[in-house]
Amino acid sequence: QKAEAELRVAMYVMDNDPYPTDQILGPLLRHQCCWRDPDQGNVVKMQVWIDGGYRCVELMLLSPQGVS
């Protein structure tokens, strides 16, 4: 699916977090309103009901080691 994000959220994933990212985000990622952006491997997009309508929200998963 291609959709331009109306809201972008950045989430940092730490190497020493006690739980794996897929365990925490798994229920969200398996939901039908959520999909991975085929052009960006670290981006998940979802349709979310906001202010009376569905909006495309982009969740970017980042690692502090990869940020400069």
N, C-alpha and C. Protein backbone atom coordinates (compact mmCIF):
# COMPACT_ATOMS: atom_id res chain seq x y z
N GLN A 1 0.84 -1.18 0.00
CA GLN A 1 0.00 0.00 0.00
C GLN A 1 0.88 1.23 0.00
N LYS A 2 0.46 2.22 -0.73
CA LYS A 2 1.16 3.50 -0.75
C LYS A 2 0.25 4.55 -0.15
N ALA A 3 0.74 5.26 0.83
CA ALA A 3 -0.01 6.34 1.45
C ALA A 3 0.99 7.32 2.04
N GLU A 4 0.72 8.59 1.85
CA GLU A 4 1.58 9.62 2.42
C GLU A 4 1.19 9.84 3.88
N ALA A 5 2.16 9.81 4.76
CA ALA A 5 1.89 9.96 6.19
C ALA A 5 1.48 11.38 6.53
N GLU A 6 0.45 11.49 7.36
CA GLU A 6 0.01 12.78 7.86
C GLU A 6 0.60 13.07 9.23
N LEU A 7 1.09 12.02 9.89
CA LEU A 7 1.72 12.14 11.20
C LEU A 7 2.87 11.16 11.25
N ARG A 8 4.02 11.61 11.74
CA ARG A 8 5.19 10.74 11.83
C ARG A 8 5.63 10.63 13.28
N VAL A 9 5.90 9.40 13.71
CA VAL A 9 6.33 9.13 15.07
C VAL A 9 7.64 8.36 15.00
N ALA A 10 8.65 8.78 15.77
CA ALA A 10 9.92 8.07 15.82
C ALA A 10 10.00 7.30 17.14
N MET A 11 10.43 6.06 17.05
CA MET A 11 10.57 5.20 18.23
C MET A 11 11.98 4.66 18.25
N TYR A 12 12.68 4.88 19.35
CA TYR A 12 14.04 4.36 19.50
C TYR A 12 14.01 2.98 20.12
N VAL A 13 14.74 2.07 19.53
CA VAL A 13 14.85 0.70 20.03
C VAL A 13 16.26 0.53 20.55
N MET A 14 16.37 0.22 21.84
CA MET A 14 17.67 0.09 22.47
C MET A 14 18.14 -1.36 22.44
N ASP A 15 19.43 -1.57 22.27
CA ASP A 15 20.00 -2.92 22.23
C ASP A 15 19.80 -3.67 23.53
N ASN A 16 19.79 -2.98 24.64
CA ASN A 16 19.69 -3.65 25.94
C ASN A 16 18.28 -3.68 26.49
N ASP A 17 17.26 -3.41 25.66
CA ASP A 17 15.88 -3.50 26.13
C ASP A 17 15.59 -4.94 26.55
N PRO A 18 14.83 -5.12 27.64
CA PRO A 18 14.61 -6.48 28.15
C PRO A 18 13.69 -7.34 27.28
N TYR A 19 12.93 -6.73 26.37
CA TYR A 19 12.01 -7.50 25.54
C TYR A 19 12.30 -7.24 24.06
N PRO A 20 12.17 -8.26 23.23
CA PRO A 20 12.40 -8.06 21.80
C PRO A 20 11.32 -7.14 21.19
N THR A 21 11.74 -6.36 20.23
CA THR A 21 10.83 -5.41 19.58
C THR A 21 9.64 -6.11 18.96
N ASP A 22 9.86 -7.25 18.31
CA ASP A 22 8.74 -7.93 17.66
C ASP A 22 7.71 -8.44 18.68
N GLN A 23 8.14 -8.72 19.91
CA GLN A 23 7.19 -9.16 20.94
C GLN A 23 6.32 -7.98 21.39
N ILE A 24 6.91 -6.82 21.50
CA ILE A 24 6.18 -5.63 21.93
C ILE A 24 5.26 -5.11 20.82
N LEU A 25 5.78 -5.04 19.60
CA LEU A 25 5.01 -4.47 18.49
C LEU A 25 4.23 -5.50 17.69
N GLY A 26 4.43 -6.79 17.98
CA GLY A 26 3.79 -7.86 17.22
C GLY A 26 2.29 -7.71 17.03
N PRO A 27 1.53 -7.49 18.10
CA PRO A 27 0.08 -7.35 17.92
C PRO A 27 -0.29 -6.20 16.98
N LEU A 28 0.42 -5.12 17.06
CA LEU A 28 0.17 -4.00 16.16
C LEU A 28 0.52 -4.35 14.73
N LEU A 29 1.69 -4.96 14.53
CA LEU A 29 2.17 -5.27 13.18
C LEU A 29 1.30 -6.32 12.48
N ARG A 30 0.64 -7.16 13.24
CA ARG A 30 -0.23 -8.18 12.64
C ARG A 30 -1.63 -7.67 12.34
N HIS A 31 -1.94 -6.47 12.76
CA HIS A 31 -3.27 -5.91 12.54
C HIS A 31 -3.44 -5.52 11.08
N GLN A 32 -4.65 -5.65 10.56
CA GLN A 32 -4.91 -5.38 9.14
C GLN A 32 -4.73 -3.92 8.75
N CYS A 33 -4.77 -2.99 9.71
CA CYS A 33 -4.61 -1.57 9.39
C CYS A 33 -3.15 -1.15 9.33
N CYS A 34 -2.24 -2.08 9.52
CA CYS A 34 -0.82 -1.77 9.63
C CYS A 34 -0.03 -2.51 8.56
N TRP A 35 0.95 -1.84 7.95
CA TRP A 35 1.78 -2.48 6.94
C TRP A 35 3.17 -1.87 6.94
N ARG A 36 4.13 -2.65 6.47
CA ARG A 36 5.51 -2.15 6.34
C ARG A 36 5.64 -1.37 5.05
N ASP A 37 6.40 -0.31 5.11
CA ASP A 37 6.67 0.47 3.91
C ASP A 37 7.70 -0.31 3.08
N PRO A 38 7.36 -0.69 1.84
CA PRO A 38 8.29 -1.49 1.04
C PRO A 38 9.57 -0.75 0.66
N ASP A 39 9.54 0.58 0.71
CA ASP A 39 10.72 1.37 0.33
C ASP A 39 11.64 1.66 1.52
N GLN A 40 11.12 1.53 2.73
CA GLN A 40 11.90 1.82 3.93
C GLN A 40 11.69 0.69 4.93
N GLY A 41 12.72 -0.11 5.16
CA GLY A 41 12.60 -1.28 6.01
C GLY A 41 12.31 -1.00 7.46
N ASN A 42 12.62 0.20 7.93
CA ASN A 42 12.41 0.52 9.34
C ASN A 42 11.15 1.34 9.58
N VAL A 43 10.26 1.39 8.59
CA VAL A 43 9.04 2.20 8.69
C VAL A 43 7.81 1.31 8.61
N VAL A 44 6.89 1.56 9.54
CA VAL A 44 5.59 0.89 9.55
C VAL A 44 4.54 1.98 9.41
N LYS A 45 3.56 1.74 8.55
CA LYS A 45 2.47 2.71 8.38
C LYS A 45 1.18 2.07 8.82
N MET A 46 0.27 2.91 9.32
CA MET A 46 -1.01 2.39 9.78
C MET A 46 -2.10 3.43 9.57
N GLN A 47 -3.30 2.95 9.38
CA GLN A 47 -4.47 3.82 9.30
C GLN A 47 -5.06 3.92 10.70
N VAL A 48 -5.18 5.14 11.20
CA VAL A 48 -5.64 5.38 12.56
C VAL A 48 -6.78 6.39 12.52
N TRP A 49 -7.82 6.15 13.30
CA TRP A 49 -8.96 7.07 13.38
C TRP A 49 -8.54 8.27 14.23
N ILE A 50 -8.44 9.44 13.60
CA ILE A 50 -8.05 10.66 14.29
C ILE A 50 -8.96 11.79 13.82
N ASP A 51 -9.55 12.47 14.76
CA ASP A 51 -10.32 13.68 14.46
C ASP A 51 -11.39 13.44 13.39
N GLY A 52 -12.15 12.37 13.54
CA GLY A 52 -13.28 12.13 12.65
C GLY A 52 -12.96 11.46 11.33
N GLY A 53 -11.76 10.98 11.16
CA GLY A 53 -11.41 10.30 9.91
C GLY A 53 -10.14 9.48 10.05
N TYR A 54 -9.95 8.59 9.08
CA TYR A 54 -8.74 7.77 9.10
C TYR A 54 -7.57 8.57 8.55
N ARG A 55 -6.46 8.50 9.24
CA ARG A 55 -5.23 9.20 8.84
C ARG A 55 -4.11 8.18 8.75
N CYS A 56 -3.16 8.44 7.88
CA CYS A 56 -2.00 7.57 7.75
C CYS A 56 -0.93 8.06 8.74
N VAL A 57 -0.55 7.16 9.64
CA VAL A 57 0.48 7.46 10.64
C VAL A 57 1.70 6.59 10.33
N GLU A 58 2.86 7.20 10.34
CA GLU A 58 4.11 6.51 10.05
C GLU A 58 4.89 6.34 11.35
N LEU A 59 5.29 5.12 11.65
CA LEU A 59 6.10 4.82 12.81
C LEU A 59 7.48 4.40 12.32
N MET A 60 8.48 5.19 12.64
CA MET A 60 9.85 4.90 12.22
C MET A 60 10.61 4.32 13.40
N LEU A 61 11.13 3.11 13.23
CA LEU A 61 11.90 2.45 14.28
C LEU A 61 13.37 2.79 14.09
N LEU A 62 13.98 3.39 15.10
CA LEU A 62 15.35 3.85 15.01
C LEU A 62 16.21 3.22 16.09
N SER A 63 17.48 3.14 15.81
CA SER A 63 18.47 2.69 16.77
C SER A 63 19.39 3.87 17.05
N PRO A 64 19.68 4.17 18.32
CA PRO A 64 20.58 5.28 18.61
C PRO A 64 21.93 5.16 17.92
N GLN A 65 22.39 3.94 17.66
CA GLN A 65 23.66 3.74 16.98
C GLN A 65 23.59 4.18 15.51
N GLY A 66 22.40 4.17 14.94
CA GLY A 66 22.25 4.51 13.53
C GLY A 66 21.93 5.98 13.29
N VAL A 67 21.82 6.76 14.35
CA VAL A 67 21.49 8.18 14.24
C VAL A 67 22.77 8.99 14.36
N SER A 68 22.92 9.94 13.44
CA SER A 68 24.12 10.79 13.52
C SER A 68 23.75 12.24 13.68
